[in-house]
Amino acid sequence: MKNGRFFVGLVGVAAVVAWLMWTGISDSMVYYLTPVELMARVDEDPTFHQVGVKVSGRVVEGSWERGAGGTGTHRFVVADLERPEVLFTVVYEDVLPDTFNDTAEVVLEGTYGTDGVFVAHTVLTKCGSRYEAAEEELAA
């Protein structure tokens, strides 16, 4: 009987821990749309323009218009990674990350306006290749 209570208590604790892990993981997962998915959502539901979203893509080379002194208004065009013909203009009014350049992969948070301009309030750069080992280091 004593072992039975211990086993029930152990199962209860394990269930609570599993539930806490699951809710913690699902709350911290970040999902973002591609430009293709964003355009599809806007076509399906025009009220989607009023919803804040996260979008990932690549800055189109040569499209970045820098704000004065690194601050001010930045304008650039972002394209889908797999379908580069799908693109939109981004306006951002803050300091860009140090790793931002005119070919960077970016994750944007903001709203996609009815005028086709994405007003970003957050710009993050994906820079995984910056930390990969050089080919000559791998050969050694």
Protein backbone atom coordinates (compact mmCIF):
# COMPACT_ATOMS: atom_id res chain seq x y z
CA MET A 1 0.00 0.00 0.00
CA LYS A 2 2.86 2.37 0.84
CA ASN A 3 4.55 1.67 -2.49
CA GLY A 4 1.27 2.34 -4.31
CA ARG A 5 0.93 5.84 -2.82
CA PHE A 6 4.56 6.59 -3.63
CA PHE A 7 4.02 5.47 -7.24
CA VAL A 8 0.84 7.60 -7.58
CA GLY A 9 2.69 10.61 -6.14
CA LEU A 10 5.62 10.06 -8.49
CA VAL A 11 3.31 9.87 -11.51
CA GLY A 12 1.56 13.06 -10.37
CA VAL A 13 4.83 14.96 -10.02
CA ALA A 14 6.00 13.68 -13.42
CA ALA A 15 2.72 14.81 -15.03
CA VAL A 16 3.03 18.30 -13.53
CA VAL A 17 6.65 18.61 -14.67
CA ALA A 18 5.73 17.41 -18.18
CA TRP A 19 2.84 19.92 -18.35
CA LEU A 20 5.10 22.79 -17.21
CA MET A 21 7.72 21.85 -19.80
CA TRP A 22 5.15 21.64 -22.59
CA THR A 23 3.53 24.99 -21.81
CA GLY A 24 6.93 26.65 -21.40
CA ILE A 25 8.15 25.35 -24.75
CA SER A 26 4.98 26.23 -26.62
CA ASP A 27 4.97 29.76 -25.12
CA SER A 28 8.57 30.38 -26.15
CA MET A 29 8.27 29.06 -29.72
CA VAL A 30 8.50 31.85 -32.25
CA TYR A 31 6.81 31.50 -35.60
CA TYR A 32 7.12 33.96 -38.40
CA LEU A 33 5.65 34.19 -41.86
CA THR A 34 7.50 34.23 -45.15
CA PRO A 35 6.66 37.06 -47.57
CA VAL A 36 4.66 34.54 -49.67
CA GLU A 37 2.61 33.54 -46.61
CA LEU A 38 2.09 37.19 -45.65
CA MET A 39 0.75 38.08 -49.10
CA ALA A 40 -1.55 35.03 -49.07
CA ARG A 41 -2.96 35.98 -45.65
CA VAL A 42 -3.57 39.58 -46.74
CA ASP A 43 -5.33 38.37 -49.91
CA GLU A 44 -7.56 36.04 -47.87
CA ASP A 45 -8.37 38.56 -45.14
CA PRO A 46 -7.82 42.30 -45.73
CA THR A 47 -8.20 42.98 -41.98
CA PHE A 48 -4.84 41.20 -41.60
CA HIS A 49 -3.27 44.61 -42.34
CA GLN A 50 -4.21 45.64 -38.80
CA VAL A 51 -2.51 42.66 -37.13
CA GLY A 52 1.09 42.76 -35.91
CA VAL A 53 3.14 39.98 -37.50
CA LYS A 54 6.65 38.56 -37.73
CA VAL A 55 8.05 38.08 -41.23
CA SER A 56 11.35 36.59 -42.35
CA GLY A 57 13.14 37.24 -45.62
CA ARG A 58 16.30 38.60 -47.25
CA VAL A 59 17.13 42.25 -47.83
CA VAL A 60 17.35 42.97 -51.56
CA GLU A 61 20.90 44.04 -52.41
CA GLY A 62 21.17 47.76 -53.12
CA SER A 63 17.70 48.59 -51.75
CA TRP A 64 18.78 49.92 -48.35
CA GLU A 65 18.40 53.68 -47.94
CA ARG A 66 20.22 54.56 -44.72
CA GLY A 67 18.92 57.02 -42.19
CA ALA A 68 21.20 59.97 -41.44
CA GLY A 69 23.99 59.01 -39.04
CA GLY A 70 22.66 55.46 -38.60
CA THR A 71 19.45 56.72 -37.03
CA GLY A 72 16.32 58.15 -38.54
CA THR A 73 14.22 56.37 -41.13
CA HIS A 74 15.63 53.33 -42.89
CA ARG A 75 13.95 51.97 -46.04
CA PHE A 76 14.77 48.67 -47.69
CA VAL A 77 13.11 45.93 -49.68
CA VAL A 78 12.73 42.36 -48.37
CA ALA A 79 12.26 39.35 -50.64
CA ASP A 80 11.15 35.79 -49.98
CA LEU A 81 14.07 33.35 -49.71
CA GLU A 82 12.55 30.75 -52.03
CA ARG A 83 10.55 33.06 -54.32
CA PRO A 84 12.61 36.26 -54.63
CA GLU A 85 10.02 37.84 -56.93
CA VAL A 86 7.72 38.20 -53.89
CA LEU A 87 8.89 41.30 -52.06
CA PHE A 88 7.78 44.35 -50.10
CA THR A 89 9.21 47.64 -48.84
CA VAL A 90 10.11 48.04 -45.16
CA VAL A 91 10.28 51.28 -43.17
CA TYR A 92 12.10 51.22 -39.83
CA GLU A 93 12.72 54.23 -37.59
CA ASP A 94 15.40 53.17 -35.13
CA VAL A 95 19.00 51.99 -34.99
CA LEU A 96 19.57 48.81 -37.02
CA PRO A 97 21.52 45.85 -35.60
CA ASP A 98 25.30 45.89 -36.18
CA THR A 99 25.04 42.79 -38.36
CA PHE A 100 22.49 44.39 -40.71
CA ASN A 101 23.63 44.84 -44.30
CA ASP A 102 21.99 45.00 -47.70
CA THR A 103 22.02 41.22 -48.19
CA ALA A 104 21.14 40.10 -44.65
CA GLU A 105 18.43 37.63 -43.71
CA VAL A 106 16.07 39.46 -41.37
CA VAL A 107 13.12 38.81 -39.08
CA LEU A 108 10.79 41.80 -38.87
CA GLU A 109 8.04 42.56 -36.37
CA GLY A 110 5.44 45.13 -37.30
CA THR A 111 2.41 45.71 -39.50
CA TYR A 112 1.90 45.37 -43.25
CA GLY A 113 -0.02 48.43 -44.40
CA THR A 114 -2.64 48.64 -47.11
CA ASP A 115 -0.12 50.70 -49.11
CA GLY A 116 2.16 47.63 -49.36
CA VAL A 117 4.75 49.00 -46.92
CA PHE A 118 5.75 46.99 -43.85
CA VAL A 119 6.25 49.33 -40.88
CA ALA A 120 8.69 47.48 -38.63
CA HIS A 121 9.09 48.17 -34.94
CA THR A 122 11.76 45.45 -34.54
CA VAL A 123 14.44 44.30 -36.98
CA LEU A 124 16.55 41.25 -36.14
CA THR A 125 19.27 39.82 -38.36
CA LYS A 126 20.00 36.17 -38.86
CA CYS A 127 23.74 35.77 -39.04
CA GLY A 128 24.42 32.05 -38.63
CA SER A 129 27.00 31.94 -41.42
CA ARG A 130 29.08 34.51 -39.57
CA TYR A 131 29.82 31.93 -36.89
CA GLU A 132 30.44 28.93 -39.11
CA ALA A 133 33.99 27.65 -39.43
CA ALA A 134 35.89 28.67 -42.54
CA GLU A 135 36.54 25.87 -45.07
CA GLU A 136 40.29 25.92 -44.41
CA GLU A 137 39.62 25.48 -40.66
CA LEU A 138 37.43 22.45 -41.39
CA ALA A 139 40.12 20.89 -43.61
CA ALA A 140 42.73 21.07 -40.82
